[in-house]
Amino acid sequence: MAAVELILLQRVEKLGQMGDLVKVKPGYARNFLLPQKKAIRANKANLAQFETQRVQLEALNIKRRDEAERVAERMQGLSVTIIRQAGESGSLYGSVTSRDIADGATAAGLSINRSQIILANPIKSLGLTIVRAVLHPEVDMPVTVNVARSVEEAEKQLRGERVVGEMEEEIELETDIQLFDPNSDQPLVD
């Protein structure tokens, strides 16, 4: 299929800046860029309309970017704690997704939706993970996700203490295993 030519109405990561003429695959245009109003089709009428509205669009973009930068400064160092069940090795019985992180960030005071959380893979183990929250196409901020089995464990993780393997060490200390020599009934001593 032939590429579709579009005019970007805002910055799109890995594609271009506002006002750029770009060629993309038809599905990307039809399913993402056009419905989300991130771009318009490049024809003479739309080019003329864009040029007349360019100053207004740029001013609106600058205003939104400034608001996003203020929010990012205010929420600097945001940490979201998520309590999940996990095995003794620290692997979760489920996983933490962008929806869980967005809900936790909203509870912490940052109103975002799950599409604004950039998560390469779902989180499947206990611990601290840093993800990106995109507040504006040009502004993103790091969010620390603290996944733990309990609130006490989450506080330990924030202090830098190791919690995974702690259960295994306790079990090893509780069990006292003695080895016996097969030729006699005497215990082997290390």
C-alpha atoms as a PDB file:
ATOM      1  CA  MET A   1       0.000   0.000   0.000  1.00  0.00           C
ATOM      2  CA  ALA A   2       1.059   3.533  -0.644  1.00  0.00           C
ATOM      3  CA  ALA A   3       2.109   5.773   2.217  1.00  0.00           C
ATOM      4  CA  VAL A   4      -0.286   8.451   3.422  1.00  0.00           C
ATOM      5  CA  GLU A   5       0.970  12.025   3.648  1.00  0.00           C
ATOM      6  CA  LEU A   6      -0.040  13.928   6.807  1.00  0.00           C
ATOM      7  CA  ILE A   7       0.574  17.244   8.532  1.00  0.00           C
ATOM      8  CA  LEU A   8       1.448  16.815  12.210  1.00  0.00           C
ATOM      9  CA  LEU A   9      -0.607  18.985  14.577  1.00  0.00           C
ATOM     10  CA  GLN A  10       1.689  18.213  17.506  1.00  0.00           C
ATOM     11  CA  ARG A  11       5.023  16.566  18.199  1.00  0.00           C
ATOM     12  CA  VAL A  12       4.865  12.794  17.790  1.00  0.00           C
ATOM     13  CA  GLU A  13       7.738  10.802  19.272  1.00  0.00           C
ATOM     14  CA  LYS A  14       9.966   9.148  16.639  1.00  0.00           C
ATOM     15  CA  LEU A  15       7.994  10.806  13.823  1.00  0.00           C
ATOM     16  CA  GLY A  16       8.327  14.584  13.794  1.00  0.00           C
ATOM     17  CA  GLN A  17       7.465  18.055  15.117  1.00  0.00           C
ATOM     18  CA  MET A  18       4.335  20.154  14.724  1.00  0.00           C
ATOM     19  CA  GLY A  19       3.865  21.270  11.137  1.00  0.00           C
ATOM     20  CA  ASP A  20       6.049  18.561   9.610  1.00  0.00           C
ATOM     21  CA  LEU A  21       4.833  16.815   6.467  1.00  0.00           C
ATOM     22  CA  VAL A  22       5.303  13.087   7.075  1.00  0.00           C
ATOM     23  CA  LYS A  23       4.546   9.905   5.171  1.00  0.00           C
ATOM     24  CA  VAL A  24       3.224   7.027   7.242  1.00  0.00           C
ATOM     25  CA  LYS A  25       1.539   3.691   6.643  1.00  0.00           C
ATOM     26  CA  PRO A  26      -2.230   3.921   6.120  1.00  0.00           C
ATOM     27  CA  GLY A  27      -3.067   1.893   9.232  1.00  0.00           C
ATOM     28  CA  TYR A  28      -0.978   4.136  11.504  1.00  0.00           C
ATOM     29  CA  ALA A  29      -2.709   7.196  10.064  1.00  0.00           C
ATOM     30  CA  ARG A  30      -6.213   5.731  10.096  1.00  0.00           C
ATOM     31  CA  ASN A  31      -6.041   4.032  13.514  1.00  0.00           C
ATOM     32  CA  PHE A  32      -3.869   6.367  15.575  1.00  0.00           C
ATOM     33  CA  LEU A  33      -2.818   9.754  14.208  1.00  0.00           C
ATOM     34  CA  LEU A  34      -6.119  10.889  12.655  1.00  0.00           C
ATOM     35  CA  PRO A  35      -8.546   9.724  15.406  1.00  0.00           C
ATOM     36  CA  GLN A  36      -6.311  11.174  18.137  1.00  0.00           C
ATOM     37  CA  LYS A  37      -6.180  14.500  16.247  1.00  0.00           C
ATOM     38  CA  LYS A  38      -2.387  14.391  16.155  1.00  0.00           C
ATOM     39  CA  ALA A  39      -2.379  14.941  12.384  1.00  0.00           C
ATOM     40  CA  ILE A  40      -4.522  15.884   9.401  1.00  0.00           C
ATOM     41  CA  ARG A  41      -4.343  14.696   5.803  1.00  0.00           C
ATOM     42  CA  ALA A  42      -1.987  16.748   3.628  1.00  0.00           C
ATOM     43  CA  ASN A  43      -3.993  18.299   0.825  1.00  0.00           C
ATOM     44  CA  LYS A  44      -4.151  21.866  -0.490  1.00  0.00           C
ATOM     45  CA  ALA A  45      -7.160  22.866   1.642  1.00  0.00           C
ATOM     46  CA  ASN A  46      -5.703  21.436   4.861  1.00  0.00           C
ATOM     47  CA  LEU A  47      -2.273  22.968   4.150  1.00  0.00           C
ATOM     48  CA  ALA A  48      -3.856  26.403   3.717  1.00  0.00           C
ATOM     49  CA  GLN A  49      -5.986  25.970   6.841  1.00  0.00           C
ATOM     50  CA  PHE A  50      -2.975  24.803   8.868  1.00  0.00           C
ATOM     51  CA  GLU A  51      -0.877  27.789   7.785  1.00  0.00           C
ATOM     52  CA  THR A  52      -3.611  30.228   8.872  1.00  0.00           C
ATOM     53  CA  GLN A  53      -3.983  28.496  12.259  1.00  0.00           C
ATOM     54  CA  ARG A  54      -0.300  27.731  12.803  1.00  0.00           C
ATOM     55  CA  VAL A  55       0.346  30.643  15.182  1.00  0.00           C
ATOM     56  CA  GLN A  56      -2.684  29.741  17.313  1.00  0.00           C
ATOM     57  CA  LEU A  57      -1.729  26.056  17.415  1.00  0.00           C
ATOM     58  CA  GLU A  58       1.853  26.880  18.398  1.00  0.00           C
ATOM     59  CA  ALA A  59       0.656  29.227  21.152  1.00  0.00           C
ATOM     60  CA  LEU A  60      -1.723  26.559  22.471  1.00  0.00           C
ATOM     61  CA  ASN A  61       1.064  23.976  22.351  1.00  0.00           C
ATOM     62  CA  ILE A  62       3.415  26.259  24.302  1.00  0.00           C
ATOM     63  CA  LYS A  63       0.717  26.899  26.922  1.00  0.00           C
ATOM     64  CA  ARG A  64       0.060  23.158  27.391  1.00  0.00           C
ATOM     65  CA  ARG A  65       3.786  22.407  27.541  1.00  0.00           C
ATOM     66  CA  ASP A  66       4.305  25.068  30.231  1.00  0.00           C
ATOM     67  CA  GLU A  67       1.441  23.608  32.290  1.00  0.00           C
ATOM     68  CA  ALA A  68       2.919  20.121  31.932  1.00  0.00           C
ATOM     69  CA  GLU A  69       6.369  21.387  32.986  1.00  0.00           C
ATOM     70  CA  ARG A  70       4.873  23.000  36.116  1.00  0.00           C
ATOM     71  CA  VAL A  71       3.088  19.760  37.002  1.00  0.00           C
ATOM     72  CA  ALA A  72       6.308  17.788  36.432  1.00  0.00           C
ATOM     73  CA  GLU A  73       8.243  20.141  38.732  1.00  0.00           C
ATOM     74  CA  ARG A  74       5.544  19.942  41.416  1.00  0.00           C
ATOM     75  CA  MET A  75       5.393  16.139  41.255  1.00  0.00           C
ATOM     76  CA  GLN A  76       9.185  15.683  41.119  1.00  0.00           C
ATOM     77  CA  GLY A  77      10.207  12.425  42.820  1.00  0.00           C
ATOM     78  CA  LEU A  78       6.730  10.880  42.683  1.00  0.00           C
ATOM     79  CA  SER A  79       6.653   7.376  44.113  1.00  0.00           C
ATOM     80  CA  VAL A  80       3.730   5.006  43.681  1.00  0.00           C
ATOM     81  CA  THR A  81       3.397   2.051  46.052  1.00  0.00           C
ATOM     82  CA  ILE A  82       1.549  -1.008  44.785  1.00  0.00           C
ATOM     83  CA  ILE A  83       0.797  -3.919  47.113  1.00  0.00           C
ATOM     84  CA  ARG A  84       0.656  -7.328  45.412  1.00  0.00           C
ATOM     85  CA  GLN A  85       0.906 -10.972  46.429  1.00  0.00           C
ATOM     86  CA  ALA A  86       4.187 -12.614  45.557  1.00  0.00           C
ATOM     87  CA  GLY A  87       6.099 -15.805  46.100  1.00  0.00           C
ATOM     88  CA  GLU A  88       9.121 -16.183  48.365  1.00  0.00           C
ATOM     89  CA  SER A  89      11.475 -15.585  45.414  1.00  0.00           C
ATOM     90  CA  GLY A  90       9.886 -12.179  44.784  1.00  0.00           C
ATOM     91  CA  SER A  91       8.009 -13.012  41.610  1.00  0.00           C
ATOM     92  CA  LEU A  92       4.457 -11.682  41.498  1.00  0.00           C
ATOM     93  CA  TYR A  93       1.435 -13.938  41.064  1.00  0.00           C
ATOM     94  CA  GLY A  94       0.116 -11.432  38.548  1.00  0.00           C
ATOM     95  CA  SER A  95       1.788  -8.385  37.062  1.00  0.00           C
ATOM     96  CA  VAL A  96       1.697  -4.613  37.483  1.00  0.00           C
ATOM     97  CA  THR A  97       0.486  -2.852  34.339  1.00  0.00           C
ATOM     98  CA  SER A  98       0.279   0.752  33.206  1.00  0.00           C
ATOM     99  CA  ARG A  99      -3.341   0.896  34.448  1.00  0.00           C
ATOM    100  CA  ASP A 100      -2.227  -0.005  38.000  1.00  0.00           C
ATOM    101  CA  ILE A 101       0.510   2.631  37.895  1.00  0.00           C
ATOM    102  CA  ALA A 102      -1.871   5.298  36.544  1.00  0.00           C
ATOM    103  CA  ASP A 103      -4.394   4.506  39.304  1.00  0.00           C
ATOM    104  CA  GLY A 104      -1.643   4.756  41.927  1.00  0.00           C
ATOM    105  CA  ALA A 105      -0.356   8.055  40.487  1.00  0.00           C
ATOM    106  CA  THR A 106      -3.893   9.468  40.459  1.00  0.00           C
ATOM    107  CA  ALA A 107      -4.269   8.485  44.117  1.00  0.00           C
ATOM    108  CA  ALA A 108      -0.946  10.243  44.822  1.00  0.00           C
ATOM    109  CA  GLY A 109      -2.206  13.466  43.217  1.00  0.00           C
ATOM    110  CA  LEU A 110      -1.063  13.250  39.583  1.00  0.00           C
ATOM    111  CA  SER A 111      -4.106  12.902  37.343  1.00  0.00           C
ATOM    112  CA  ILE A 112      -2.995  10.801  34.367  1.00  0.00           C
ATOM    113  CA  ASN A 113      -4.423   7.934  32.364  1.00  0.00           C
ATOM    114  CA  ARG A 114      -2.814   4.617  31.478  1.00  0.00           C
ATOM    115  CA  SER A 115      -1.879   5.672  27.942  1.00  0.00           C
ATOM    116  CA  GLN A 116       0.460   8.277  29.435  1.00  0.00           C
ATOM    117  CA  ILE A 117       2.522   5.636  31.259  1.00  0.00           C
ATOM    118  CA  ILE A 118       5.394   4.245  29.169  1.00  0.00           C
ATOM    119  CA  LEU A 119       6.100   0.722  30.373  1.00  0.00           C
ATOM    120  CA  ALA A 120       8.286  -1.502  28.196  1.00  0.00           C
ATOM    121  CA  ASN A 121       7.135  -4.708  29.890  1.00  0.00           C
ATOM    122  CA  PRO A 122       4.701  -5.418  32.715  1.00  0.00           C
ATOM    123  CA  ILE A 123       6.381  -5.496  36.122  1.00  0.00           C
ATOM    124  CA  LYS A 124       6.492  -9.108  37.340  1.00  0.00           C
ATOM    125  CA  SER A 125       8.698  -8.937  40.439  1.00  0.00           C
ATOM    126  CA  LEU A 126       8.945  -7.100  43.730  1.00  0.00           C
ATOM    127  CA  GLY A 127      11.169  -4.048  43.969  1.00  0.00           C
ATOM    128  CA  LEU A 128      11.598  -0.509  42.720  1.00  0.00           C
ATOM    129  CA  THR A 129      11.119   0.269  39.034  1.00  0.00           C
ATOM    130  CA  ILE A 130      11.307   3.631  37.276  1.00  0.00           C
ATOM    131  CA  VAL A 131       8.791   4.282  34.480  1.00  0.00           C
ATOM    132  CA  ARG A 132       8.055   7.345  32.336  1.00  0.00           C
ATOM    133  CA  ALA A 133       4.873   9.372  32.604  1.00  0.00           C
ATOM    134  CA  VAL A 134       4.286  11.476  29.465  1.00  0.00           C
ATOM    135  CA  LEU A 135       2.463  14.655  30.482  1.00  0.00           C
ATOM    136  CA  HIS A 136       2.835  16.352  27.088  1.00  0.00           C
ATOM    137  CA  PRO A 137       4.480  15.208  23.854  1.00  0.00           C
ATOM    138  CA  GLU A 138       7.535  17.262  24.865  1.00  0.00           C
ATOM    139  CA  VAL A 139       7.426  16.720  28.669  1.00  0.00           C
ATOM    140  CA  ASP A 140       7.814  13.481  30.554  1.00  0.00           C
ATOM    141  CA  MET A 141       8.752  12.689  34.129  1.00  0.00           C
ATOM    142  CA  PRO A 142      10.092   9.627  35.943  1.00  0.00           C
ATOM    143  CA  VAL A 143       7.780   7.820  38.367  1.00  0.00           C
ATOM    144  CA  THR A 144       9.188   5.340  40.871  1.00  0.00           C
ATOM    145  CA  VAL A 145       6.975   2.273  41.223  1.00  0.00           C
ATOM    146  CA  ASN A 146       7.443   0.416  44.516  1.00  0.00           C
ATOM    147  CA  VAL A 147       5.947  -3.083  44.287  1.00  0.00           C
ATOM    148  CA  ALA A 148       5.792  -4.885  47.636  1.00  0.00           C
ATOM    149  CA  ARG A 149       3.831  -7.512  49.564  1.00  0.00           C
ATOM    150  CA  SER A 150       2.954  -5.134  52.410  1.00  0.00           C
ATOM    151  CA  VAL A 151       3.247  -1.493  53.424  1.00  0.00           C
ATOM    152  CA  GLU A 152       6.092  -2.352  55.832  1.00  0.00           C
ATOM    153  CA  GLU A 153       7.980  -4.109  53.036  1.00  0.00           C
ATOM    154  CA  ALA A 154       7.455  -1.103  50.745  1.00  0.00           C
ATOM    155  CA  GLU A 155       8.967   1.191  53.381  1.00  0.00           C
ATOM    156  CA  LYS A 156      11.984  -1.122  53.714  1.00  0.00           C
ATOM    157  CA  GLN A 157      12.483  -1.075  49.937  1.00  0.00           C
ATOM    158  CA  LEU A 158      12.383   2.742  49.887  1.00  0.00           C
ATOM    159  CA  ARG A 159      15.110   2.800  52.549  1.00  0.00           C
ATOM    160  CA  GLY A 160      17.195   0.511  50.333  1.00  0.00           C
ATOM    161  CA  GLU A 161      16.867  -2.633  52.427  1.00  0.00           C
ATOM    162  CA  ARG A 162      16.674  -6.009  50.720  1.00  0.00           C
ATOM    163  CA  VAL A 163      13.354  -7.775  51.222  1.00  0.00           C
ATOM    164  CA  VAL A 164      13.463 -10.521  48.585  1.00  0.00           C
ATOM    165  CA  GLY A 165      15.373 -13.462  49.981  1.00  0.00           C
ATOM    166  CA  GLU A 166      14.756 -12.305  53.549  1.00  0.00           C
ATOM    167  CA  MET A 167      12.194 -15.099  53.980  1.00  0.00           C
ATOM    168  CA  GLU A 168      14.676 -17.667  52.632  1.00  0.00           C
ATOM    169  CA  GLU A 169      17.330 -16.542  55.144  1.00  0.00           C
ATOM    170  CA  GLU A 170      14.849 -16.825  58.021  1.00  0.00           C
ATOM    171  CA  ILE A 171      13.929 -20.352  56.967  1.00  0.00           C
ATOM    172  CA  GLU A 172      17.612 -21.340  56.767  1.00  0.00           C
ATOM    173  CA  LEU A 173      18.235 -19.981  60.276  1.00  0.00           C
ATOM    174  CA  GLU A 174      15.231 -21.822  61.698  1.00  0.00           C
ATOM    175  CA  THR A 175      16.166 -25.234  60.302  1.00  0.00           C
ATOM    176  CA  ASP A 176      19.197 -26.914  61.800  1.00  0.00           C
ATOM    177  CA  ILE A 177      20.205 -29.763  59.508  1.00  0.00           C
ATOM    178  CA  GLN A 178      22.782 -32.261  60.642  1.00  0.00           C
ATOM    179  CA  LEU A 179      24.427 -34.743  58.312  1.00  0.00           C
ATOM    180  CA  PHE A 180      25.304 -38.219  59.541  1.00  0.00           C
ATOM    181  CA  ASP A 181      28.153 -40.455  58.442  1.00  0.00           C
ATOM    182  CA  PRO A 182      26.624 -43.516  56.707  1.00  0.00           C
ATOM    183  CA  ASN A 183      29.186 -45.871  58.312  1.00  0.00           C
ATOM    184  CA  SER A 184      28.518 -44.740  61.863  1.00  0.00           C
ATOM    185  CA  ASP A 185      25.813 -42.972  63.766  1.00  0.00           C
ATOM    186  CA  GLN A 186      28.054 -40.006  64.415  1.00  0.00           C
ATOM    187  CA  PRO A 187      27.099 -36.548  62.953  1.00  0.00           C
ATOM    188  CA  LEU A 188      29.473 -34.999  60.437  1.00  0.00           C
ATOM    189  CA  VAL A 189      31.030 -31.768  61.634  1.00  0.00           C
ATOM    190  CA  ASP A 190      32.217 -29.065  59.233  1.00  0.00           C
END
